[in-house]
Protein backbone atom coordinates (compact mmCIF):
# COMPACT_ATOMS: atom_id res chain seq x y z
CA UNK A 1 -29.70 91.05 22.38
CA UNK A 2 -26.46 89.84 20.80
CA UNK A 3 -25.50 90.73 17.30
CA UNK A 4 -25.32 87.96 14.71
CA UNK A 5 -21.85 87.27 13.43
CA UNK A 6 -21.81 87.14 9.63
CA UNK A 7 -20.29 84.01 8.07
CA UNK A 8 -16.78 84.27 6.75
CA UNK A 9 -16.71 84.22 3.00
CA UNK A 10 -13.44 83.65 1.22
CA UNK A 11 -13.25 85.13 -2.19
CA UNK A 12 -10.49 84.52 -4.66
CA UNK A 13 -9.01 86.90 -7.10
CA UNK A 14 -9.79 86.15 -10.71
CA UNK A 15 -6.03 85.93 -11.19
CA UNK A 16 -5.69 83.07 -8.70
CA UNK A 17 -6.15 79.54 -10.05
CA UNK A 18 -8.89 77.50 -8.45
CA UNK A 19 -7.64 74.41 -6.63
CA UNK A 20 -9.17 71.15 -7.80
CA UNK A 21 -8.40 68.32 -5.38
CA UNK A 22 -9.05 64.74 -6.36
CA UNK A 23 -8.94 62.13 -3.60
CA UNK A 24 -8.30 58.68 -5.02
CA UNK A 25 -8.45 55.56 -2.82
CA UNK A 26 -6.21 52.77 -4.12
CA UNK A 27 -5.66 49.12 -3.25
CA UNK A 28 -3.38 47.02 -5.46
CA UNK A 29 -3.80 49.33 -8.44
CA UNK A 30 -0.30 49.10 -9.88
CA UNK A 31 -1.57 48.56 -13.43
CA UNK A 32 -4.00 51.48 -13.27
CA UNK A 33 -1.73 54.23 -11.92
CA UNK A 34 0.14 55.21 -15.09
CA UNK A 35 -2.94 55.25 -17.38
CA UNK A 36 -4.92 57.17 -14.75
CA UNK A 37 -2.22 59.83 -14.34
CA UNK A 38 -1.80 60.15 -18.09
CA UNK A 39 -5.53 60.68 -18.59
CA UNK A 40 -5.93 63.13 -15.69
CA UNK A 41 -2.97 65.21 -16.87
CA UNK A 42 -4.40 65.30 -20.40
CA UNK A 43 -7.82 66.39 -19.15
CA UNK A 44 -6.46 69.16 -16.92
CA UNK A 45 -3.64 70.40 -19.17
CA UNK A 46 -5.76 72.95 -21.09
CA UNK A 47 -7.35 74.30 -17.90
CA UNK A 48 -4.73 76.76 -16.70
CA UNK A 49 -7.29 78.43 -14.44
CA UNK A 50 -7.26 75.32 -12.23
CA UNK A 51 -4.49 74.07 -9.96
CA UNK A 52 -4.69 70.30 -9.76
CA UNK A 53 -3.95 68.38 -6.57
CA UNK A 54 -4.08 64.57 -6.49
CA UNK A 55 -4.32 62.85 -3.12
CA UNK A 56 -3.89 59.08 -3.27
CA UNK A 57 -5.05 57.12 -0.23
CA UNK A 58 -3.23 53.78 -0.18
CA UNK A 59 -5.34 51.22 1.65
CA UNK A 60 -2.65 48.67 2.49
CA UNK A 61 -1.73 47.57 -1.02
CA UNK A 62 0.38 44.42 -1.14
CA UNK A 63 1.72 44.96 -4.66
CA UNK A 64 4.01 47.80 -5.83
CA UNK A 65 1.27 50.44 -5.70
CA UNK A 66 2.80 52.36 -2.78
CA UNK A 67 6.39 52.53 -4.11
CA UNK A 68 5.04 53.56 -7.51
CA UNK A 69 2.92 56.33 -6.00
CA UNK A 70 5.83 57.56 -3.90
CA UNK A 71 8.00 57.72 -7.03
CA UNK A 72 5.25 59.68 -8.80
CA UNK A 73 5.06 62.01 -5.80
CA UNK A 74 8.79 62.74 -6.03
CA UNK A 75 8.39 63.62 -9.72
CA UNK A 76 5.19 65.69 -9.47
CA UNK A 77 4.57 68.17 -6.63
CA UNK A 78 0.82 68.00 -7.28
CA UNK A 79 0.68 64.43 -5.97
CA UNK A 80 0.29 63.55 -2.29
CA UNK A 81 0.27 60.02 -0.91
CA UNK A 82 -1.41 58.99 2.33
CA UNK A 83 -0.80 55.54 3.79
């Protein structure tokens, strides 16, 4: 009879920040990007125990959404952009 393999459990140290990843689909959202980022940063600013990661999924925007997101990505290492 084979022995059961216990599941792998990853624990984090209490000193390590928890990663909070937000995946945001966007399509022609140029007017919403700045207010959204401002609000998200304000909400997460007091939570130093969390490490924020924002992943924007651009769904073929035809306005300036993609260039704007790429500029935001260059300014903030917590932002990732997927085309």
